[in-house]
C-alpha atoms as a PDB file:
ATOM      1  CA  UNK A   1      21.879  23.309  16.656  1.00  0.00           C
ATOM      2  CA  UNK A   2      19.973  20.042  17.168  1.00  0.00           C
ATOM      3  CA  UNK A   3      17.018  21.413  15.215  1.00  0.00           C
ATOM      4  CA  UNK A   4      19.272  22.365  12.305  1.00  0.00           C
ATOM      5  CA  UNK A   5      20.853  18.921  12.229  1.00  0.00           C
ATOM      6  CA  UNK A   6      17.442  17.251  12.492  1.00  0.00           C
ATOM      7  CA  UNK A   7      16.191  19.299   9.534  1.00  0.00           C
ATOM      8  CA  UNK A   8      19.291  18.429   7.538  1.00  0.00           C
ATOM      9  CA  UNK A   9      18.830  14.721   8.274  1.00  0.00           C
ATOM     10  CA  UNK A  10      15.137  14.958   7.360  1.00  0.00           C
ATOM     11  CA  UNK A  11      15.938  16.560   4.015  1.00  0.00           C
ATOM     12  CA  UNK A  12      18.677  14.058   3.215  1.00  0.00           C
ATOM     13  CA  UNK A  13      16.264  11.218   3.986  1.00  0.00           C
ATOM     14  CA  UNK A  14      13.964  12.550   1.255  1.00  0.00           C
ATOM     15  CA  UNK A  15      16.586  12.231  -1.478  1.00  0.00           C
ATOM     16  CA  UNK A  16      16.599   9.387  -3.963  1.00  0.00           C
ATOM     17  CA  UNK A  17      19.808   7.388  -4.249  1.00  0.00           C
ATOM     18  CA  UNK A  18      21.190   9.307  -7.233  1.00  0.00           C
ATOM     19  CA  UNK A  19      20.599  12.669  -5.582  1.00  0.00           C
ATOM     20  CA  UNK A  20      21.983  11.397  -2.268  1.00  0.00           C
ATOM     21  CA  UNK A  21      25.218  10.409  -3.971  1.00  0.00           C
ATOM     22  CA  UNK A  22      25.553  13.893  -5.480  1.00  0.00           C
ATOM     23  CA  UNK A  23      24.758  15.614  -2.198  1.00  0.00           C
ATOM     24  CA  UNK A  24      27.305  13.440  -0.408  1.00  0.00           C
ATOM     25  CA  UNK A  25      29.995  14.470  -2.886  1.00  0.00           C
ATOM     26  CA  UNK A  26      29.049  18.147  -2.501  1.00  0.00           C
ATOM     27  CA  UNK A  27      29.181  17.888   1.285  1.00  0.00           C
ATOM     28  CA  UNK A  28      32.579  16.192   1.152  1.00  0.00           C
ATOM     29  CA  UNK A  29      33.900  18.984  -1.064  1.00  0.00           C
ATOM     30  CA  UNK A  30      32.399  21.610   1.235  1.00  0.00           C
ATOM     31  CA  UNK A  31      33.994  19.997   4.280  1.00  0.00           C
ATOM     32  CA  UNK A  32      37.339  19.798   2.519  1.00  0.00           C
ATOM     33  CA  UNK A  33      37.112  23.402   1.304  1.00  0.00           C
ATOM     34  CA  UNK A  34      36.150  24.779   4.703  1.00  0.00           C
ATOM     35  CA  UNK A  35      38.436  22.549   6.736  1.00  0.00           C
ATOM     36  CA  UNK A  36      41.560  22.028   4.697  1.00  0.00           C
ATOM     37  CA  UNK A  37      43.561  22.511   7.863  1.00  0.00           C
ATOM     38  CA  UNK A  38      41.249  20.289   9.918  1.00  0.00           C
ATOM     39  CA  UNK A  39      41.622  16.538   9.979  1.00  0.00           C
ATOM     40  CA  UNK A  40      38.473  14.480  10.404  1.00  0.00           C
ATOM     41  CA  UNK A  41      38.374  12.391  13.550  1.00  0.00           C
ATOM     42  CA  UNK A  42      38.234   8.625  13.221  1.00  0.00           C
ATOM     43  CA  UNK A  43      34.608   8.755  14.424  1.00  0.00           C
ATOM     44  CA  UNK A  44      33.689  11.319  11.752  1.00  0.00           C
ATOM     45  CA  UNK A  45      35.304   9.236   9.049  1.00  0.00           C
ATOM     46  CA  UNK A  46      33.523   6.124  10.337  1.00  0.00           C
ATOM     47  CA  UNK A  47      30.148   7.917  10.309  1.00  0.00           C
ATOM     48  CA  UNK A  48      30.694   9.161   6.753  1.00  0.00           C
ATOM     49  CA  UNK A  49      31.651   5.684   5.595  1.00  0.00           C
ATOM     50  CA  UNK A  50      28.603   4.219   7.340  1.00  0.00           C
ATOM     51  CA  UNK A  51      26.384   6.721   5.536  1.00  0.00           C
ATOM     52  CA  UNK A  52      27.918   5.840   2.198  1.00  0.00           C
ATOM     53  CA  UNK A  53      27.435   2.149   2.923  1.00  0.00           C
ATOM     54  CA  UNK A  54      23.778   2.718   3.862  1.00  0.00           C
ATOM     55  CA  UNK A  55      23.160   4.466   0.562  1.00  0.00           C
ATOM     56  CA  UNK A  56      24.957   1.691  -1.324  1.00  0.00           C
ATOM     57  CA  UNK A  57      22.765  -0.918   0.415  1.00  0.00           C
ATOM     58  CA  UNK A  58      19.651   1.030  -0.512  1.00  0.00           C
ATOM     59  CA  UNK A  59      18.901   1.978   3.084  1.00  0.00           C
ATOM     60  CA  UNK A  60      17.204   5.257   2.399  1.00  0.00           C
ATOM     61  CA  UNK A  61      13.689   6.571   2.033  1.00  0.00           C
ATOM     62  CA  UNK A  62      12.577   7.254  -1.515  1.00  0.00           C
ATOM     63  CA  UNK A  63      11.037  10.700  -1.977  1.00  0.00           C
ATOM     64  CA  UNK A  64       8.169   9.233  -3.989  1.00  0.00           C
ATOM     65  CA  UNK A  65       7.293   6.990  -1.038  1.00  0.00           C
ATOM     66  CA  UNK A  66       7.310   9.979   1.309  1.00  0.00           C
ATOM     67  CA  UNK A  67       5.016  11.908  -1.019  1.00  0.00           C
ATOM     68  CA  UNK A  68       2.604   8.958  -1.166  1.00  0.00           C
ATOM     69  CA  UNK A  69       2.678   8.522   2.599  1.00  0.00           C
ATOM     70  CA  UNK A  70       1.771  12.180   3.168  1.00  0.00           C
ATOM     71  CA  UNK A  71      -0.600  12.472   0.222  1.00  0.00           C
ATOM     72  CA  UNK A  72       1.560  14.946  -1.686  1.00  0.00           C
END
């Protein structure tokens, strides 16, 4: 499971801000759809809000920078 989560984090880190916003909305809808009867814990809500705030502050890695760094 840790490997799957690591890969997911790695992929999300490659997204530009616009794409990250769209992916975040998709993930929220997916969580809601699959867990309509499940309430998010306060920690889960806090982590989601922290992620949104990081994106809003520009704390993400631009995909173009990653490509340059790895010569892609």
